[in-house]
Protein backbone atom coordinates (compact mmCIF):
# COMPACT_ATOMS: atom_id res chain seq x y z
CA MET A 1 0.05 -0.30 0.03
CA VAL A 2 1.24 3.10 -0.89
CA GLN A 3 0.40 6.43 1.42
CA HIS A 4 0.61 9.61 -0.79
CA HIS A 5 0.41 12.27 2.10
CA SER A 6 0.54 15.35 -0.72
CA CYS A 7 -2.63 14.95 -3.29
CA GLN A 8 -3.67 18.32 -3.96
CA MET A 9 -5.08 20.38 -7.48
CA PRO A 10 -2.67 22.46 -9.57
CA PRO A 11 -2.87 26.25 -9.45
CA VAL A 12 -5.42 26.59 -12.77
CA SER A 13 -9.14 26.89 -13.52
CA PRO A 14 -11.20 23.49 -13.51
CA ALA A 15 -12.59 24.74 -17.04
CA MET A 16 -9.09 24.54 -18.65
CA MET A 17 -7.97 21.17 -16.59
CA PRO A 18 -7.10 18.21 -19.19
CA PRO A 19 -9.60 15.54 -19.70
CA GLU A 20 -6.78 13.00 -17.97
CA VAL A 21 -5.61 13.87 -14.48
CA LYS A 22 -2.39 11.92 -13.01
CA LEU A 23 -0.79 11.56 -9.19
CA ILE A 24 2.53 12.73 -9.20
CA ASP A 25 5.39 13.53 -7.08
CA PHE A 26 5.74 10.76 -4.55
CA GLY A 27 8.64 12.40 -2.41
CA LEU A 28 6.55 11.95 0.34
CA ALA A 29 4.84 9.13 0.12
CA MET A 30 5.63 5.91 1.96
CA ILE A 31 4.94 1.93 1.30
CA THR A 32 3.54 0.15 4.26
CA SER A 33 2.25 -3.67 3.55
CA HIS A 34 -0.92 -3.74 5.60
CA GLU A 35 -3.16 -0.54 7.26
CA VAL A 36 -0.79 0.90 9.85
CA LEU A 37 -0.82 4.50 11.18
CA GLY A 38 1.52 6.45 9.02
CA ARG A 39 3.58 9.35 9.47
CA SER A 40 3.28 11.26 12.59
CA GLY A 41 4.42 14.75 14.19
CA SER A 42 4.82 17.46 11.79
CA VAL A 43 2.47 18.54 9.26
CA ILE A 44 2.86 17.10 5.68
CA GLY A 45 1.40 18.62 2.32
CA SER A 46 -1.15 21.30 1.30
CA ALA A 47 -3.05 22.52 4.42
CA ASP A 48 -6.10 22.87 2.08
CA TYR A 49 -6.37 19.65 0.92
CA LEU A 50 -4.96 17.69 4.68
CA ALA A 51 -7.33 15.71 6.30
CA PRO A 52 -8.62 16.52 9.67
CA GLU A 53 -6.90 13.85 11.65
CA ALA A 54 -3.58 14.68 9.65
CA GLY A 55 -2.61 17.77 12.14
CA GLN A 56 -3.80 15.93 15.19
CA ILE A 57 -2.90 12.31 15.19
CA SER A 58 -1.51 11.36 11.97
CA ASN A 59 -1.55 10.32 8.48
CA LEU A 60 -3.58 7.48 7.76
CA PRO A 61 -4.16 5.87 4.77
CA ALA A 62 -7.83 7.32 4.99
CA SER A 63 -6.13 10.72 4.84
CA ASP A 64 -5.37 10.25 1.37
CA VAL A 65 -8.77 9.31 0.57
CA TRP A 66 -10.05 12.76 2.20
CA SER A 67 -7.66 14.54 0.14
CA ALA A 68 -8.38 12.88 -3.15
CA GLY A 69 -12.30 13.92 -2.12
CA MET A 70 -11.01 17.67 -2.05
CA VAL A 71 -9.63 17.09 -5.20
CA LEU A 72 -12.79 15.48 -6.69
CA HIS A 73 -14.77 18.47 -4.73
CA ALA A 74 -12.62 20.69 -6.99
CA MET A 75 -12.93 19.32 -10.13
CA LEU A 76 -16.54 19.18 -10.24
CA CYS A 77 -17.87 22.35 -8.22
CA GLY A 78 -14.48 24.77 -9.47
CA SER A 79 -13.78 25.16 -5.73
CA LEU A 80 -13.00 23.76 -2.06
CA PRO A 81 -16.09 22.82 -0.34
CA LYS A 82 -17.17 25.36 2.30
CA TRP A 83 -18.19 23.14 6.08
CA ASP A 84 -21.27 23.94 8.08
CA GLU A 85 -19.95 26.07 10.88
CA ASN A 86 -22.59 24.29 13.07
CA THR A 87 -22.66 20.51 11.87
CA LYS A 88 -19.08 20.58 10.18
CA GLU A 89 -20.33 18.47 7.38
CA LEU A 90 -21.45 19.36 3.77
CA ASP A 91 -24.91 20.56 3.11
CA PHE A 92 -25.55 18.73 -0.51
CA GLU A 93 -28.86 20.67 -0.77
CA THR A 94 -26.83 24.32 -2.01
CA THR A 95 -26.81 25.38 -5.21
CA VAL A 96 -23.17 24.41 -5.70
CA TYR A 97 -24.41 20.71 -6.09
CA LYS A 98 -27.53 20.93 -7.94
CA SER A 99 -25.17 20.21 -11.59
CA LEU A 100 -23.90 17.15 -9.99
CA SER A 101 -25.37 13.54 -10.30
CA SER A 102 -26.59 11.91 -7.39
CA SER A 103 -23.53 9.27 -7.77
CA ALA A 104 -21.19 11.98 -7.99
CA ARG A 105 -22.80 13.61 -4.36
CA ASP A 106 -23.19 10.11 -2.89
CA LEU A 107 -19.07 9.64 -3.62
CA LEU A 108 -18.03 12.89 -1.95
CA LYS A 109 -20.24 12.05 0.88
CA GLY A 110 -17.76 8.73 1.25
CA LEU A 111 -14.81 10.57 0.58
CA LEU A 112 -15.42 13.49 2.87
CA VAL A 113 -16.38 12.07 6.39
CA LEU A 114 -14.75 13.73 9.43
CA ASP A 115 -14.38 10.64 11.11
CA PRO A 116 -11.32 8.17 9.18
CA SER A 117 -12.86 5.22 10.68
CA GLN A 118 -16.09 5.86 8.85
CA ARG A 119 -14.66 7.17 5.22
CA LEU A 120 -15.12 5.26 2.00
CA ARG A 121 -11.88 3.24 1.42
CA ALA A 122 -10.35 3.88 -1.37
CA ALA A 123 -11.01 0.41 -2.99
CA ALA A 124 -14.80 1.04 -2.56
CA ALA A 125 -14.08 4.56 -3.88
CA LEU A 126 -12.60 2.99 -6.78
CA ALA A 127 -15.60 0.96 -7.43
CA HIS A 128 -18.13 3.18 -6.70
CA PRO A 129 -20.53 3.52 -9.81
CA TRP A 130 -19.26 7.25 -10.54
CA THR A 131 -15.68 6.48 -10.52
CA GLN A 132 -16.73 3.11 -12.81
CA GLY A 133 -18.97 5.53 -15.27
CA LEU A 134 -22.13 3.36 -14.32
CA GLU A 135 -24.42 6.06 -13.22
CA SER A 136 -27.76 6.57 -15.03
CA ARG A 137 -27.25 9.05 -17.93
CA THR A 138 -29.85 11.12 -18.95
CA PRO A 139 -30.32 14.05 -20.56
CA LYS A 140 -30.81 17.50 -18.99
CA ASP A 141 -33.37 19.90 -18.98
CA LEU A 142 -33.51 20.45 -22.86
CA THR A 143 -35.58 23.60 -22.47
CA PRO A 144 -32.91 26.74 -22.36
CA THR A 145 -31.11 25.08 -25.53
CA LEU A 146 -34.20 24.34 -27.30
CA THR A 147 -34.92 28.10 -26.58
CA SER A 148 -31.15 29.60 -28.08
CA PHE A 149 -31.96 26.96 -30.94
CA VAL A 150 -34.98 28.83 -32.50
CA ALA A 151 -33.30 32.23 -31.57
CA PHE A 152 -30.32 31.14 -33.70
CA HIS A 153 -32.78 30.47 -36.77
CA ARG A 154 -35.14 33.20 -36.48
CA SER A 155 -31.67 35.52 -35.73
CA ALA A 156 -30.12 36.98 -39.02
CA LYS A 157 -28.35 34.78 -41.43
CA LEU A 158 -24.65 36.51 -40.86
CA ARG A 159 -25.03 35.79 -37.24
CA ARG A 160 -26.15 32.07 -37.84
CA ALA A 161 -22.75 31.72 -39.65
CA ALA A 162 -20.75 33.88 -37.22
CA LEU A 163 -21.75 31.38 -34.57
CA ALA A 164 -21.60 27.90 -36.44
CA ALA A 165 -17.83 29.35 -36.98
CA LEU A 166 -17.38 29.95 -33.81
CA ALA A 167 -18.33 26.41 -32.87
CA THR A 168 -15.76 24.95 -35.05
CA GLN A 169 -13.18 26.88 -33.00
CA LEU A 170 -13.57 25.18 -29.87
CA THR A 171 -11.27 22.68 -28.65
CA SER A 172 -12.01 19.21 -28.03
CA TRP A 173 -11.86 19.65 -24.27
CA GLN A 174 -14.41 22.68 -24.58
CA LEU A 175 -16.96 20.74 -26.79
CA ARG A 176 -16.84 17.82 -24.09
CA ASP A 177 -20.04 18.63 -22.24
CA LEU A 178 -21.97 19.94 -25.22
CA ARG A 179 -20.91 16.78 -27.20
CA GLU A 180 -21.63 14.56 -24.43
CA GLN A 181 -25.38 16.23 -24.47
CA PHE A 182 -25.83 15.74 -28.23
CA LEU A 183 -25.18 12.24 -28.15
CA LEU A 184 -27.28 11.54 -25.56
CA VAL A 185 -29.94 13.40 -27.30
CA ASP A 186 -29.13 11.42 -30.93
CA ALA A 187 -30.78 7.95 -29.92
CA ASN A 188 -29.90 6.06 -33.04
CA GLY A 189 -26.18 7.93 -33.10
CA ASP A 190 -26.59 9.05 -36.87
CA GLY A 191 -25.02 12.43 -36.24
CA ARG A 192 -28.36 14.11 -36.16
CA ILE A 193 -31.53 14.83 -34.14
CA SER A 194 -34.76 13.79 -35.26
CA LYS A 195 -38.08 14.48 -33.70
CA GLU A 196 -38.43 11.42 -32.21
CA ASP A 197 -34.76 11.69 -30.80
CA LEU A 198 -35.92 15.00 -28.96
CA THR A 199 -38.96 13.56 -27.94
CA MET A 200 -38.13 10.86 -26.10
CA SER A 201 -34.94 12.55 -24.82
CA ILE A 202 -37.70 15.12 -23.04
CA ALA A 203 -39.80 12.62 -22.27
CA LEU A 204 -36.79 10.79 -20.33
CA SER A 205 -35.80 14.21 -18.55
CA SER A 206 -38.88 15.43 -17.60
CA PRO A 207 -41.29 11.88 -16.98
CA GLY A 208 -43.85 14.63 -15.82
CA GLY A 209 -45.08 15.21 -19.11
CA ALA A 210 -47.71 13.96 -20.85
CA ALA A 211 -46.53 11.99 -24.07
CA GLU A 212 -48.61 13.57 -26.50
CA ASP A 213 -48.34 17.11 -24.77
CA VAL A 214 -44.35 16.23 -25.56
CA ARG A 215 -44.53 15.01 -29.01
CA SER A 216 -47.06 18.41 -29.70
CA TRP A 217 -44.54 20.50 -28.15
CA VAL A 218 -41.65 19.15 -30.36
CA GLU A 219 -43.75 19.05 -33.59
CA ALA A 220 -44.19 22.85 -33.17
CA ILE A 221 -40.38 23.54 -32.73
CA PHE A 222 -39.64 21.94 -35.91
CA ASP A 223 -42.39 23.11 -37.25
CA SER A 224 -41.17 26.74 -36.50
CA VAL A 225 -37.39 26.33 -37.26
CA PHE A 226 -37.66 24.26 -40.66
CA LEU A 227 -40.20 25.20 -43.21
CA GLU A 228 -39.18 23.08 -45.66
CA GLY A 229 -36.20 20.76 -46.65
CA ASP A 230 -34.32 18.18 -44.19
CA ARG A 231 -36.14 18.19 -40.56
CA HIS A 232 -33.28 17.24 -38.60
CA ILE A 233 -30.75 19.34 -36.05
CA GLU A 234 -27.19 19.06 -37.07
CA TYR A 235 -24.19 19.04 -34.43
CA THR A 236 -22.88 22.24 -35.36
CA GLU A 237 -26.53 23.83 -35.39
CA TRP A 238 -26.77 22.25 -31.86
CA LEU A 239 -23.51 23.77 -30.61
CA ALA A 240 -24.29 26.88 -32.19
CA ALA A 241 -27.57 27.18 -30.36
CA VAL A 242 -25.72 26.50 -27.21
CA LEU A 243 -23.22 29.22 -27.68
CA GLN A 244 -26.13 31.62 -28.46
CA GLN A 245 -26.59 31.26 -24.42
CA GLY A 246 -23.89 33.16 -23.77
CA GLN A 247 -21.69 30.32 -23.28
CA CYS A 248 -18.15 32.07 -22.36
CA VAL A 249 -15.61 31.30 -25.13
CA SER A 250 -11.84 32.38 -25.34
CA GLU A 251 -11.14 35.67 -27.53
CA GLU A 252 -8.83 33.32 -29.68
CA ALA A 253 -11.51 31.63 -30.44
CA VAL A 254 -13.64 34.20 -31.59
CA ARG A 255 -10.27 35.80 -33.79
CA ALA A 256 -10.13 32.60 -35.30
CA ALA A 257 -14.02 32.44 -36.51
CA PHE A 258 -13.22 35.96 -37.95
CA ARG A 259 -10.09 34.91 -40.37
CA ILE A 260 -12.82 32.52 -41.61
CA PHE A 261 -14.47 35.47 -43.19
CA ASP A 262 -12.01 37.56 -43.39
CA THR A 263 -10.72 35.71 -46.48
CA ASP A 264 -7.76 37.98 -48.13
CA GLY A 265 -6.05 38.27 -44.10
CA ASP A 266 -6.16 42.17 -44.15
CA GLY A 267 -8.10 42.72 -40.86
CA TYR A 268 -11.46 43.68 -42.23
CA ILE A 269 -14.25 42.07 -43.43
CA CYS A 270 -15.77 43.65 -47.04
CA GLN A 271 -18.99 42.66 -48.61
CA GLY A 272 -17.62 41.05 -51.19
CA GLU A 273 -15.53 38.34 -48.46
CA LEU A 274 -19.52 38.04 -46.89
CA GLY A 275 -21.11 37.36 -50.27
CA GLN A 276 -18.41 34.72 -50.78
CA VAL A 277 -18.80 33.05 -47.66
CA LEU A 278 -22.10 33.16 -47.26
CA ALA A 279 -23.05 32.15 -50.55
CA GLN A 280 -25.27 35.13 -51.12
CA THR A 281 -25.29 37.95 -54.31
CA PRO A 282 -24.07 41.97 -53.27
CA GLU A 283 -27.40 42.63 -53.58
CA GLU A 284 -28.43 40.39 -50.54
CA VAL A 285 -25.43 40.97 -48.48
CA ALA A 286 -26.42 44.72 -48.94
CA SER A 287 -29.78 44.70 -47.51
CA PHE A 288 -28.58 43.58 -44.01
CA PHE A 289 -24.66 44.95 -43.49
CA SER A 290 -25.61 47.91 -42.47
CA ASP A 291 -26.82 46.63 -39.42
CA PHE A 292 -23.19 45.23 -38.20
CA ASP A 293 -21.39 47.99 -39.99
CA THR A 294 -21.55 50.30 -36.39
CA ASN A 295 -18.93 52.76 -37.73
CA GLY A 296 -20.39 52.90 -41.73
CA ASP A 297 -16.87 52.40 -43.40
CA GLY A 298 -18.10 49.74 -45.54
CA VAL A 299 -16.08 46.84 -43.74
CA LEU A 300 -16.51 45.58 -40.78
CA ASP A 301 -13.39 45.09 -38.15
CA PHE A 302 -12.68 42.49 -35.12
CA ASN A 303 -15.24 44.56 -32.96
CA GLU A 304 -17.84 45.02 -34.65
CA PHE A 305 -17.75 41.47 -35.72
CA LYS A 306 -17.60 40.76 -32.03
CA GLY A 307 -20.89 42.80 -31.70
CA ILE A 308 -22.62 39.87 -34.43
CA PHE A 309 -22.52 37.71 -31.04
CA ALA A 310 -24.06 40.63 -28.70
CA GLY A 311 -27.65 39.61 -30.11
CA GLY A 312 -30.43 39.79 -33.25
CA SER A 313 -31.56 42.63 -35.09
CA ASP A 314 -34.90 44.43 -34.53
CA LYS A 315 -35.88 42.61 -37.42
CA ASP A 316 -35.08 39.36 -35.60
CA GLU A 317 -36.87 40.32 -32.48
CA ALA A 318 -40.30 41.25 -34.78
CA SER A 319 -40.50 37.71 -35.98
CA VAL A 320 -40.85 36.37 -32.39
CA HIS A 321 -44.33 36.35 -32.11
CA PHE A 322 -46.22 34.00 -29.58
CA LYS A 323 -44.65 31.52 -27.19
CA LEU A 324 -45.21 28.23 -26.16
CA HIS A 325 -44.97 26.39 -22.87
CA SER A 326 -43.14 22.99 -22.22
CA PRO A 327 -45.57 20.66 -21.00
CA CYS A 328 -42.42 18.98 -19.33
CA CYS A 329 -40.61 21.76 -17.68
CA HIS A 330 -43.10 24.51 -17.05
CA SER A 331 -40.83 27.12 -19.06
CA VAL A 332 -41.60 28.67 -22.50
CA VAL A 333 -39.65 28.44 -25.56
CA SER A 334 -40.17 31.45 -27.63
CA LEU A 335 -41.11 30.81 -31.57
C-alpha cells in the first residue's frame, strides 16, 4: 500500500483542466504492507487538502482518501468545499451541488467524512458507480438549449454563420460536455437529432409530461424552425445554439472565427468576402450589412464582428411572435 501524503490540485482553473489527471510527486509517500498508522508529528502536504486528523493524530491511509475527495470536489464544483459551521458537514442541497448527479454527490459524501474510520476506503471509491461510469445517463433539461436553437434560426443569416464558425473553433476539451449532451439526445447515433430523438429525450429528462403534449411541443418547435427541406438538427447547429446562450469562449476562438470571413487576411471583412462565405449576392449582403457596420466605413473590423454575437437585430426580435409552453419543464420557448 502506498500512502501519498500530498494529494492536491495544480493552480489552474477547473475549466482548463485536461481530460486526464495524473498523480505525481511521490517524494512524501511511504509504502506499508497493511493498514497501519502513517507518519505522525509534523504536518505534511498542502494544508487546504489535508484530512482533519492529519495535523492531530497521524496521516492514515484514509487521509489520502480525504485529499482525493478534496481534489474531486474542486474538479466537479470549481472550488474547495465550505463546511457548515454548526454541523461541520457539507450541505449537498445547496446550489453548488445542483449540477452534480446523485451518484457524484454520493461519492463526495463518502470521501469527505470527518471520522476517518467511517470514511470510504480507496478500493470502495474505485468501485463506486460514479468512478466506474455506471451512473444513469439521461439528458438534462433541454428547454434553454431549445430556446436558443429557435432564436438561432430566427436570427440574421450572418449571425448564424458567425456562431457556426465560432463553434468550429472550440477545442475538444471545451466541446466535451456539449458533445456528450448531443450524443445522449441522438438516440440512433446517426449524427443528427430527429423529432423522435428529441421527443424521447424530453420525456426521459422530464417524466412528468404527457406523451402527447411532448410530441405536440416538439412538432411545433420543428415546424417553426424547419419551413422546408431536411428536418433534423445538425451537430454544428446544436453547438451554435448553445453558444447563443452566452457560453463563455476565448477571444482567440472569436479571432479564429473572424479569420474564416476575412479571407484575404487584411484585418477587415468586406461585403464581397461575406457574399463569398455566405453564398449570397451583393444585393442580399447589402440588405443587412449596415446593421452590423456600426461606424459606416463599409467594412467590419474585429470589434464589429464581436458585436454580431451580442444579440439579434430588431428584425429578428420582430419575428418572435408567440410563445409555446413546455409541457414538461413548466418553462417557455419563444417561437
